[in-house]
Amino acid sequence: MREPTLRKVAYGVAMAIAIILVHFINARIYAMPPIFALFLAIFITYLCISLIKKSDKFDQKISRTKYNLLNALVVLVLFIAYYTIAK
């Protein structure tokens, strides 16, 4: 595996933001059909990733430990937000 970069972590954050946003809209604002929610999450993720690709700030190399810790933090926040919205 190549050296971990901040860009890879940012991709995970973009995906988490899309999932949280779509789940919030689905649970609190408008109950969407599942296929529409899926396509909306994919579209938001695509937009975020295209913005990340345009920025050069995310090309910084980080240590493997920091990479794993940041990814674990993203997953933890994703679970907490998902179940908090569901209540």
N, C-alpha and C. Protein backbone atom coordinates (compact mmCIF):
# COMPACT_ATOMS: atom_id res chain seq x y z
N MET A 1 0.84 -1.18 0.00
CA MET A 1 0.00 0.00 0.00
C MET A 1 0.88 1.24 0.00
N ARG A 2 0.46 2.21 -0.78
CA ARG A 2 1.22 3.45 -0.83
C ARG A 2 1.10 4.22 0.47
N GLU A 3 1.94 5.23 0.60
CA GLU A 3 1.92 6.07 1.79
C GLU A 3 0.54 6.69 1.99
N PRO A 4 0.02 6.64 3.21
CA PRO A 4 -1.28 7.27 3.45
C PRO A 4 -1.17 8.79 3.37
N THR A 5 -2.19 9.39 2.80
CA THR A 5 -2.24 10.85 2.70
C THR A 5 -3.53 11.34 3.36
N LEU A 6 -3.54 12.61 3.61
CA LEU A 6 -4.72 13.24 4.19
C LEU A 6 -5.90 13.16 3.22
N ARG A 7 -5.61 13.07 1.94
CA ARG A 7 -6.66 12.98 0.92
C ARG A 7 -7.52 11.73 1.13
N LYS A 8 -6.90 10.62 1.46
CA LYS A 8 -7.65 9.38 1.67
C LYS A 8 -8.58 9.50 2.87
N VAL A 9 -8.13 10.17 3.90
CA VAL A 9 -8.98 10.39 5.07
C VAL A 9 -10.13 11.34 4.70
N ALA A 10 -9.84 12.34 3.90
CA ALA A 10 -10.86 13.30 3.48
C ALA A 10 -11.94 12.62 2.64
N TYR A 11 -11.58 11.62 1.86
CA TYR A 11 -12.58 10.86 1.11
C TYR A 11 -13.55 10.15 2.06
N GLY A 12 -13.02 9.58 3.12
CA GLY A 12 -13.87 8.93 4.11
C GLY A 12 -14.76 9.92 4.83
N VAL A 13 -14.23 11.10 5.12
CA VAL A 13 -15.03 12.14 5.77
C VAL A 13 -16.16 12.59 4.83
N ALA A 14 -15.85 12.72 3.55
CA ALA A 14 -16.88 13.11 2.57
C ALA A 14 -18.00 12.09 2.52
N MET A 15 -17.64 10.82 2.53
CA MET A 15 -18.65 9.77 2.51
C MET A 15 -19.48 9.81 3.79
N ALA A 16 -18.84 10.00 4.94
CA ALA A 16 -19.55 10.06 6.21
C ALA A 16 -20.51 11.24 6.25
N ILE A 17 -20.07 12.38 5.76
CA ILE A 17 -20.94 13.56 5.73
C ILE A 17 -22.15 13.31 4.86
N ALA A 18 -21.95 12.68 3.72
CA ALA A 18 -23.07 12.40 2.82
C ALA A 18 -24.07 11.46 3.48
N ILE A 19 -23.57 10.42 4.14
CA ILE A 19 -24.47 9.46 4.80
C ILE A 19 -25.24 10.11 5.94
N ILE A 20 -24.55 10.91 6.74
CA ILE A 20 -25.21 11.59 7.87
C ILE A 20 -26.25 12.58 7.36
N LEU A 21 -25.92 13.34 6.35
CA LEU A 21 -26.85 14.33 5.80
C LEU A 21 -28.09 13.67 5.23
N VAL A 22 -27.91 12.62 4.44
CA VAL A 22 -29.05 11.93 3.85
C VAL A 22 -29.90 11.26 4.93
N HIS A 23 -29.26 10.68 5.92
CA HIS A 23 -30.02 10.06 7.00
C HIS A 23 -30.80 11.10 7.80
N PHE A 24 -30.20 12.26 8.03
CA PHE A 24 -30.91 13.34 8.74
C PHE A 24 -32.13 13.80 7.94
N ILE A 25 -31.94 14.01 6.64
CA ILE A 25 -33.07 14.44 5.80
C ILE A 25 -34.15 13.36 5.80
N ASN A 26 -33.73 12.11 5.69
CA ASN A 26 -34.68 11.01 5.63
C ASN A 26 -35.43 10.82 6.95
N ALA A 27 -34.77 11.01 8.07
CA ALA A 27 -35.39 10.77 9.37
C ALA A 27 -36.18 11.97 9.89
N ARG A 28 -35.72 13.18 9.62
CA ARG A 28 -36.32 14.35 10.26
C ARG A 28 -37.12 15.27 9.33
N ILE A 29 -36.77 15.30 8.04
CA ILE A 29 -37.39 16.28 7.15
C ILE A 29 -38.36 15.62 6.18
N TYR A 30 -37.87 14.65 5.42
CA TYR A 30 -38.69 14.04 4.37
C TYR A 30 -38.32 12.56 4.24
N ALA A 31 -39.29 11.70 4.39
CA ALA A 31 -39.05 10.26 4.26
C ALA A 31 -38.94 9.91 2.78
N MET A 32 -37.73 9.63 2.36
CA MET A 32 -37.46 9.35 0.95
C MET A 32 -37.53 7.85 0.67
N PRO A 33 -37.83 7.50 -0.57
CA PRO A 33 -37.70 6.09 -0.96
C PRO A 33 -36.22 5.69 -0.86
N PRO A 34 -35.94 4.46 -0.49
CA PRO A 34 -34.54 4.04 -0.29
C PRO A 34 -33.64 4.24 -1.50
N ILE A 35 -34.13 4.01 -2.68
CA ILE A 35 -33.29 4.16 -3.88
C ILE A 35 -32.93 5.63 -4.10
N PHE A 36 -33.86 6.53 -3.80
CA PHE A 36 -33.58 7.96 -3.92
C PHE A 36 -32.55 8.40 -2.88
N ALA A 37 -32.68 7.89 -1.68
CA ALA A 37 -31.71 8.21 -0.63
C ALA A 37 -30.31 7.72 -1.02
N LEU A 38 -30.24 6.53 -1.60
CA LEU A 38 -28.96 5.99 -2.05
C LEU A 38 -28.33 6.87 -3.12
N PHE A 39 -29.13 7.25 -4.12
CA PHE A 39 -28.61 8.10 -5.18
C PHE A 39 -28.20 9.49 -4.68
N LEU A 40 -28.95 10.02 -3.72
CA LEU A 40 -28.60 11.31 -3.14
C LEU A 40 -27.29 11.23 -2.38
N ALA A 41 -27.09 10.16 -1.63
CA ALA A 41 -25.83 9.98 -0.90
C ALA A 41 -24.66 9.83 -1.86
N ILE A 42 -24.86 9.10 -2.95
CA ILE A 42 -23.80 8.95 -3.96
C ILE A 42 -23.49 10.29 -4.60
N PHE A 43 -24.51 11.07 -4.91
CA PHE A 43 -24.31 12.37 -5.54
C PHE A 43 -23.56 13.34 -4.62
N ILE A 44 -23.95 13.38 -3.34
CA ILE A 44 -23.27 14.27 -2.40
C ILE A 44 -21.81 13.84 -2.21
N THR A 45 -21.58 12.53 -2.14
CA THR A 45 -20.21 12.02 -2.02
C THR A 45 -19.39 12.41 -3.24
N TYR A 46 -19.98 12.27 -4.42
CA TYR A 46 -19.29 12.64 -5.66
C TYR A 46 -18.92 14.13 -5.66
N LEU A 47 -19.83 14.99 -5.23
CA LEU A 47 -19.55 16.42 -5.18
C LEU A 47 -18.41 16.73 -4.21
N CYS A 48 -18.46 16.11 -3.03
CA CYS A 48 -17.41 16.35 -2.04
C CYS A 48 -16.05 15.85 -2.53
N ILE A 49 -16.02 14.69 -3.16
CA ILE A 49 -14.76 14.15 -3.66
C ILE A 49 -14.20 15.01 -4.78
N SER A 50 -15.07 15.54 -5.63
CA SER A 50 -14.57 16.41 -6.70
C SER A 50 -13.99 17.70 -6.12
N LEU A 51 -14.56 18.20 -5.02
CA LEU A 51 -13.98 19.38 -4.37
C LEU A 51 -12.64 19.05 -3.71
N ILE A 52 -12.54 17.86 -3.12
CA ILE A 52 -11.30 17.44 -2.48
C ILE A 52 -10.19 17.28 -3.52
N LYS A 53 -10.53 16.73 -4.68
CA LYS A 53 -9.52 16.53 -5.73
C LYS A 53 -8.95 17.85 -6.25
N LYS A 54 -9.75 18.91 -6.22
CA LYS A 54 -9.29 20.20 -6.72
C LYS A 54 -8.31 20.89 -5.77
N SER A 55 -8.36 20.51 -4.50
CA SER A 55 -7.52 21.15 -3.50
C SER A 55 -6.19 20.42 -3.35
N ASP A 56 -5.11 21.18 -3.24
CA ASP A 56 -3.79 20.59 -3.04
C ASP A 56 -3.43 20.45 -1.56
N LYS A 57 -4.28 20.94 -0.68
CA LYS A 57 -4.00 20.88 0.76
C LYS A 57 -4.01 19.45 1.30
N PHE A 58 -4.69 18.56 0.60
CA PHE A 58 -4.85 17.20 1.10
C PHE A 58 -3.76 16.24 0.64
N ASP A 59 -2.74 16.72 -0.03
CA ASP A 59 -1.67 15.86 -0.51
C ASP A 59 -0.59 15.60 0.53
N GLN A 60 -0.81 16.02 1.75
CA GLN A 60 0.18 15.83 2.80
C GLN A 60 0.25 14.36 3.20
N LYS A 61 1.45 13.85 3.32
CA LYS A 61 1.64 12.49 3.79
C LYS A 61 1.53 12.47 5.31
N ILE A 62 0.88 11.43 5.82
CA ILE A 62 0.73 11.27 7.27
C ILE A 62 1.20 9.87 7.65
N SER A 63 1.48 9.69 8.92
CA SER A 63 1.94 8.38 9.39
C SER A 63 0.78 7.38 9.35
N ARG A 64 1.13 6.12 9.29
CA ARG A 64 0.11 5.08 9.25
C ARG A 64 -0.72 5.06 10.54
N THR A 65 -0.10 5.35 11.67
CA THR A 65 -0.82 5.40 12.94
C THR A 65 -1.85 6.52 12.94
N LYS A 66 -1.43 7.68 12.49
CA LYS A 66 -2.35 8.82 12.43
C LYS A 66 -3.48 8.55 11.44
N TYR A 67 -3.16 7.91 10.33
CA TYR A 67 -4.15 7.54 9.33
C TYR A 67 -5.20 6.60 9.93
N ASN A 68 -4.75 5.58 10.65
CA ASN A 68 -5.68 4.63 11.26
C ASN A 68 -6.52 5.29 12.35
N LEU A 69 -5.91 6.16 13.15
CA LEU A 69 -6.66 6.85 14.20
C LEU A 69 -7.72 7.79 13.62
N LEU A 70 -7.37 8.51 12.56
CA LEU A 70 -8.34 9.40 11.93
C LEU A 70 -9.49 8.61 11.32
N ASN A 71 -9.19 7.49 10.69
CA ASN A 71 -10.25 6.66 10.12
C ASN A 71 -11.15 6.08 11.20
N ALA A 72 -10.56 5.66 12.30
CA ALA A 72 -11.36 5.15 13.41
C ALA A 72 -12.26 6.24 13.98
N LEU A 73 -11.74 7.45 14.08
CA LEU A 73 -12.54 8.59 14.56
C LEU A 73 -13.70 8.89 13.62
N VAL A 74 -13.46 8.84 12.33
CA VAL A 74 -14.53 9.07 11.35
C VAL A 74 -15.63 8.03 11.50
N VAL A 75 -15.25 6.77 11.64
CA VAL A 75 -16.24 5.69 11.80
C VAL A 75 -17.01 5.87 13.10
N LEU A 76 -16.34 6.22 14.17
CA LEU A 76 -17.00 6.44 15.45
C LEU A 76 -18.01 7.58 15.37
N VAL A 77 -17.62 8.69 14.77
CA VAL A 77 -18.53 9.82 14.60
C VAL A 77 -19.71 9.43 13.72
N LEU A 78 -19.46 8.63 12.69
CA LEU A 78 -20.53 8.17 11.81
C LEU A 78 -21.56 7.35 12.58
N PHE A 79 -21.11 6.41 13.40
CA PHE A 79 -22.04 5.60 14.19
C PHE A 79 -22.80 6.45 15.20
N ILE A 80 -22.12 7.31 15.90
CA ILE A 80 -22.79 8.15 16.90
C ILE A 80 -23.83 9.04 16.26
N ALA A 81 -23.48 9.70 15.16
CA ALA A 81 -24.42 10.59 14.48
C ALA A 81 -25.60 9.81 13.91
N TYR A 82 -25.34 8.65 13.34
CA TYR A 82 -26.40 7.85 12.73
C TYR A 82 -27.44 7.45 13.77
N TYR A 83 -26.99 6.97 14.93
CA TYR A 83 -27.94 6.52 15.94
C TYR A 83 -28.55 7.69 16.73
N THR A 84 -27.86 8.80 16.80
CA THR A 84 -28.44 9.99 17.45
C THR A 84 -29.58 10.56 16.61
N ILE A 85 -29.40 10.57 15.31
CA ILE A 85 -30.44 11.07 14.41
C ILE A 85 -31.66 10.15 14.44
N ALA A 86 -31.44 8.87 14.57
CA ALA A 86 -32.54 7.89 14.53
C ALA A 86 -33.48 8.01 15.73
N LYS A 87 -33.02 8.57 16.84
CA LYS A 87 -33.88 8.69 18.04
C LYS A 87 -34.90 9.77 17.92
